[in-house]
Amino acid sequence: MKRTTVILGFALIVLLTMTAGLACGPKPPGVLEGKASIGPRPESEAGQPYPADVYQPRKVMVYSVDRSTLISQVSLDDQGYYHVELAPGTYTIDINYVGTDRSNAAPRKLSIESGLHYMFDIDFNTGALLNVVPGAGGKLLDSQGQPTDITLEYVHVDQVFADRQYFSPWYPEHTVEAGQFIIELKGSLKNDGSLPEIAMYAEGYDEAGNQTAWTLDESHIAGQIGLRVETGQSGKFTLHLNYSQSTRVIRLTANAYAVTPP
């Protein structure tokens, strides 16, 4: 009788364990979605929709974190949006590099948690026209050309219409009216240094190295934006530059301070 009790007790433990496992089940997926932009575009085409065959060959690629396995190849819809469900984990997100395409936002590592939605807009830079320095993962230089402890995590470049008037006091002075074409950069940086106040700006150059574009924004310093990013933290930025068809390279610069510059 005693032996029977032990066997029944063991069977009950196994049954409860199996039931608990079934109750938990697999975790629901997370969702990654966003919009792809393709450009740069001729100024005459600004604001016009792309034909569907521009989006059709381009894909958002989801790899295992070490890129050894392709998890999913995600198509864009006829407006450039994509959507994919992913099991919880960390992935490397990239593009499929059609022709001369490259991306300022990818490749990028993203962690997906169960049941959460993640927005990640991605660019397909067809141009072979605009190159951002540094690339994702690179260190920004300061205004003296020296490496900083500030890392560019990603940057997304687009050509948009100005929603207001901008005035740049830099060389030469110029005004951009609302409705005119400008370059917009949106991205994220990480501060691995000890100084939390960051003044940041961008400059555009042509193939000969002549400056063609200046930062239109201003905060405490004209032609720069100010960010406060604590040590080890990331911060998002948006910069606007005047548009020039001859711009080929955009250089990002950052200076770090202990307090907000006067």
Protein backbone atom coordinates (compact mmCIF):
# COMPACT_ATOMS: atom_id res chain seq x y z
CA MET A 1 0.00 0.00 0.00
CA LYS A 2 2.80 2.33 0.79
CA ARG A 3 4.45 1.65 -2.58
CA THR A 4 1.20 2.42 -4.40
CA THR A 5 0.97 5.77 -2.62
CA VAL A 6 4.47 6.71 -3.76
CA ILE A 7 3.70 5.79 -7.39
CA LEU A 8 0.46 7.76 -7.35
CA GLY A 9 2.25 10.74 -5.84
CA PHE A 10 4.88 10.61 -8.57
CA ALA A 11 2.22 10.36 -11.25
CA LEU A 12 0.42 13.37 -9.81
CA ILE A 13 3.63 15.44 -9.90
CA VAL A 14 4.25 14.51 -13.54
CA LEU A 15 0.64 15.37 -14.45
CA LEU A 16 0.82 18.73 -12.71
CA THR A 17 4.12 19.52 -14.41
CA MET A 18 2.71 18.67 -17.84
CA THR A 19 -0.43 20.70 -17.16
CA ALA A 20 1.61 23.73 -16.09
CA GLY A 21 3.70 23.45 -19.25
CA LEU A 22 0.60 23.30 -21.43
CA ALA A 23 -0.96 26.25 -19.60
CA CYS A 24 2.10 28.39 -20.24
CA GLY A 25 2.48 27.34 -23.88
CA PRO A 26 4.62 29.27 -26.36
CA LYS A 27 4.94 32.99 -25.77
CA PRO A 28 3.01 35.18 -28.25
CA PRO A 29 5.20 36.90 -30.86
CA GLY A 30 6.23 40.52 -30.95
CA VAL A 31 5.50 42.69 -33.98
CA LEU A 32 8.06 44.69 -35.97
CA GLU A 33 6.71 47.18 -38.47
CA GLY A 34 7.62 50.44 -40.14
CA LYS A 35 7.88 52.41 -43.35
CA ALA A 36 10.60 52.28 -45.95
CA SER A 37 11.77 55.40 -47.74
CA ILE A 38 13.59 55.20 -51.06
CA GLY A 39 15.71 58.03 -52.32
CA PRO A 40 17.09 60.52 -52.87
CA ARG A 41 14.62 61.68 -55.51
CA PRO A 42 14.85 64.44 -58.10
CA GLU A 43 13.35 67.66 -56.77
CA SER A 44 10.70 67.53 -59.49
CA GLU A 45 9.37 64.24 -58.05
CA ALA A 46 9.22 65.37 -54.41
CA GLY A 47 5.91 64.56 -52.75
CA GLN A 48 4.76 62.23 -55.52
CA PRO A 49 3.97 58.58 -54.73
CA TYR A 50 6.32 55.89 -55.98
CA PRO A 51 5.03 53.36 -58.52
CA ALA A 52 4.53 49.90 -56.99
CA ASP A 53 7.41 48.38 -58.95
CA VAL A 54 9.86 50.54 -56.99
CA TYR A 55 8.86 48.86 -53.71
CA GLN A 56 8.34 45.35 -55.10
CA PRO A 57 11.99 44.20 -55.39
CA ARG A 58 13.08 45.67 -52.05
CA LYS A 59 12.82 43.62 -48.85
CA VAL A 60 13.44 44.01 -45.15
CA MET A 61 15.68 41.13 -44.08
CA VAL A 62 15.47 39.62 -40.58
CA TYR A 63 18.49 37.55 -39.55
CA SER A 64 19.58 35.79 -36.40
CA VAL A 65 21.66 38.16 -34.31
CA ASP A 66 24.94 36.80 -35.75
CA ARG A 67 23.53 36.89 -39.32
CA SER A 68 24.12 33.14 -39.72
CA THR A 69 20.43 32.41 -40.43
CA LEU A 70 17.82 34.27 -42.47
CA ILE A 71 14.66 34.30 -40.33
CA SER A 72 12.32 36.23 -42.62
CA GLN A 73 12.34 38.19 -45.88
CA VAL A 74 9.61 40.82 -45.55
CA SER A 75 7.99 42.49 -48.55
CA LEU A 76 6.90 46.14 -48.71
CA ASP A 77 3.33 47.03 -49.61
CA ASP A 78 2.49 49.51 -52.37
CA GLN A 79 3.01 52.42 -49.95
CA GLY A 80 6.32 51.18 -48.53
CA TYR A 81 5.07 49.73 -45.23
CA TYR A 82 6.15 46.37 -43.83
CA HIS A 83 4.92 44.17 -40.96
CA VAL A 84 6.29 40.95 -39.48
CA GLU A 85 5.63 38.85 -36.36
CA LEU A 86 8.73 37.54 -34.61
CA ALA A 87 9.34 35.19 -31.71
CA PRO A 88 10.92 36.89 -28.69
CA GLY A 89 14.66 37.30 -29.21
CA THR A 90 17.36 39.51 -30.65
CA TYR A 91 17.70 39.92 -34.41
CA THR A 92 19.78 41.76 -36.99
CA ILE A 93 17.60 43.84 -39.34
CA ASP A 94 18.94 44.72 -42.79
CA ILE A 95 17.90 45.38 -46.40
CA ASN A 96 18.41 43.14 -49.44
CA TYR A 97 20.65 45.60 -51.30
CA VAL A 98 19.10 45.96 -54.75
CA GLY A 99 21.54 47.48 -57.24
CA THR A 100 23.52 50.26 -55.55
CA ASP A 101 21.16 50.44 -52.55
CA ARG A 102 22.55 50.96 -49.09
CA SER A 103 20.97 52.06 -45.82
CA ASN A 104 21.89 54.54 -43.12
CA ALA A 105 19.53 52.81 -40.67
CA ALA A 106 20.68 49.23 -41.21
CA PRO A 107 22.07 46.79 -40.36
CA ARG A 108 20.80 47.16 -36.81
CA LYS A 109 20.31 44.79 -33.89
CA LEU A 110 16.84 44.84 -32.32
CA SER A 111 15.46 42.92 -29.34
CA ILE A 112 11.84 41.79 -29.61
CA GLU A 113 9.73 40.99 -26.55
CA SER A 114 6.55 38.94 -26.45
CA GLY A 115 3.34 40.83 -27.20
CA LEU A 116 5.00 44.20 -27.91
CA HIS A 117 4.95 46.33 -31.07
CA TYR A 118 8.15 47.90 -32.39
CA MET A 119 8.36 50.67 -35.02
CA PHE A 120 11.50 50.77 -37.16
CA ASP A 121 11.56 52.95 -40.27
CA ILE A 122 14.27 52.02 -42.73
CA ASP A 123 15.79 53.77 -45.73
CA PHE A 124 16.91 52.40 -49.08
CA ASN A 125 19.51 54.88 -50.31
CA THR A 126 19.48 54.34 -54.06
CA GLY A 127 21.70 57.24 -54.87
CA ALA A 128 24.71 56.51 -54.52
CA LEU A 129 24.22 60.19 -53.87
CA LEU A 130 24.23 60.77 -50.12
CA ASN A 131 26.65 59.10 -47.74
CA VAL A 132 26.56 59.83 -43.99
CA VAL A 133 29.82 59.88 -41.99
CA PRO A 134 30.27 58.18 -39.62
CA GLY A 135 28.22 55.10 -40.47
CA ALA A 136 26.11 53.22 -37.94
CA GLY A 137 28.30 52.08 -35.05
CA GLY A 138 30.97 54.69 -35.71
CA LYS A 139 32.27 57.37 -33.35
CA LEU A 140 31.36 61.00 -34.06
CA LEU A 141 34.21 63.49 -34.35
CA ASP A 142 34.22 66.79 -32.50
CA SER A 143 34.67 70.18 -34.15
CA GLN A 144 38.46 69.75 -33.92
CA GLY A 145 38.31 66.47 -35.82
CA GLN A 146 39.04 64.34 -32.76
CA PRO A 147 37.08 61.14 -31.94
CA THR A 148 34.50 61.47 -29.17
CA ASP A 149 32.85 58.92 -26.85
CA ILE A 150 29.58 59.39 -28.77
CA THR A 151 28.49 56.52 -31.03
CA LEU A 152 26.06 56.87 -33.91
CA GLU A 153 23.53 54.04 -33.51
CA TYR A 154 21.66 54.76 -36.73
CA VAL A 155 20.55 57.61 -38.95
CA HIS A 156 17.70 57.89 -41.45
CA VAL A 157 18.04 60.42 -44.28
CA ASP A 158 15.09 61.87 -46.17
CA GLN A 159 14.30 64.77 -48.46
CA VAL A 160 11.23 66.66 -47.26
CA PHE A 161 9.45 69.98 -47.64
CA ALA A 162 10.28 72.53 -44.93
CA ASP A 163 7.32 73.05 -42.61
CA ARG A 164 8.53 76.51 -41.59
CA GLN A 165 11.08 79.17 -42.48
CA TYR A 166 14.71 78.53 -41.52
CA PHE A 167 17.53 81.04 -41.40
CA SER A 168 21.16 79.94 -41.34
CA PRO A 169 23.76 82.49 -40.18
CA TRP A 170 26.60 80.36 -41.55
CA TYR A 171 28.66 80.85 -44.64
CA PRO A 172 26.93 82.07 -46.67
CA GLU A 173 23.90 83.37 -44.82
CA HIS A 174 20.75 82.01 -46.39
CA THR A 175 17.04 81.59 -45.76
CA VAL A 176 14.95 78.52 -46.54
CA GLU A 177 11.26 79.27 -46.94
CA ALA A 178 8.44 76.99 -45.82
CA GLY A 179 7.61 74.58 -48.63
CA GLN A 180 11.14 74.43 -50.03
CA PHE A 181 13.07 71.17 -50.27
CA ILE A 182 15.41 70.33 -47.33
CA ILE A 183 17.35 67.31 -46.06
CA GLU A 184 16.13 65.76 -42.80
CA LEU A 185 18.22 63.42 -40.66
CA LYS A 186 16.65 61.41 -37.85
CA GLY A 187 18.68 59.03 -35.74
CA SER A 188 19.97 57.92 -32.40
CA LEU A 189 23.31 58.24 -30.64
CA LYS A 190 24.77 56.70 -27.49
CA ASN A 191 26.89 58.61 -25.00
CA ASP A 192 29.71 56.49 -23.58
CA GLY A 193 31.47 59.53 -22.16
CA SER A 194 31.10 61.36 -18.85
CA LEU A 195 29.80 64.69 -20.22
CA PRO A 196 26.01 64.74 -20.68
CA GLU A 197 25.43 67.94 -22.68
CA ILE A 198 25.88 67.38 -26.41
CA ALA A 199 25.90 70.02 -29.14
CA MET A 200 25.46 68.40 -32.55
CA TYR A 201 25.41 69.57 -36.15
CA ALA A 202 25.78 68.26 -39.71
CA GLU A 203 27.48 69.59 -42.83
CA GLY A 204 27.14 68.56 -46.47
CA TYR A 205 29.98 68.42 -49.01
CA ASP A 206 30.24 67.85 -52.76
CA GLU A 207 32.60 65.41 -54.49
CA ALA A 208 35.40 68.01 -54.49
CA GLY A 209 35.09 68.55 -50.73
CA ASN A 210 33.40 71.95 -50.96
CA GLN A 211 30.72 72.61 -48.34
CA THR A 212 27.24 72.73 -49.84
CA ALA A 213 24.87 72.28 -46.89
CA TRP A 214 24.61 73.67 -43.36
CA THR A 215 22.49 72.79 -40.34
CA LEU A 216 19.38 74.97 -40.27
CA ASP A 217 18.36 74.23 -36.67
CA GLU A 218 19.45 76.16 -33.64
CA SER A 219 19.18 75.80 -29.88
CA HIS A 220 21.67 77.43 -27.51
CA ILE A 221 24.17 77.60 -30.40
CA ALA A 222 23.11 78.76 -33.87
CA GLY A 223 23.38 76.01 -36.45
CA GLN A 224 23.43 73.24 -33.84
CA ILE A 225 21.00 71.25 -31.72
CA GLY A 226 21.39 70.51 -28.03
CA LEU A 227 20.84 67.11 -26.43
CA ARG A 228 21.17 65.91 -22.87
CA VAL A 229 22.21 62.27 -22.84
CA GLU A 230 23.46 60.70 -19.63
CA THR A 231 26.42 58.33 -19.57
CA GLY A 232 25.54 54.96 -21.08
CA GLN A 233 22.19 56.20 -22.39
CA SER A 234 20.89 56.77 -25.93
CA GLY A 235 19.19 59.86 -27.29
CA LYS A 236 17.31 60.60 -30.50
CA PHE A 237 18.06 63.58 -32.74
CA THR A 238 16.60 65.38 -35.74
CA LEU A 239 18.66 67.69 -37.95
CA HIS A 240 17.69 69.75 -41.00
CA LEU A 241 20.04 70.94 -43.75
CA ASN A 242 19.49 73.06 -46.84
CA TYR A 243 19.08 70.98 -50.00
CA SER A 244 21.71 70.99 -52.73
CA GLN A 245 21.81 68.63 -55.70
CA SER A 246 25.61 68.54 -55.49
CA THR A 247 25.73 67.27 -51.88
CA ARG A 248 27.30 63.81 -51.75
CA VAL A 249 28.55 63.43 -48.16
CA ILE A 250 26.98 64.53 -44.88
CA ARG A 251 29.32 64.67 -41.90
CA LEU A 252 27.93 64.54 -38.36
CA THR A 253 29.81 66.37 -35.60
CA ALA A 254 29.26 66.48 -31.84
CA ASN A 255 30.86 68.30 -28.92
CA ALA A 256 30.26 67.22 -25.32
CA TYR A 257 30.10 69.56 -22.32
CA ALA A 258 29.60 69.28 -18.58
CA VAL A 259 26.96 72.01 -18.64
CA THR A 260 24.76 73.53 -21.35
CA PRO A 261 26.92 75.85 -23.50
CA PRO A 262 26.02 79.54 -23.13
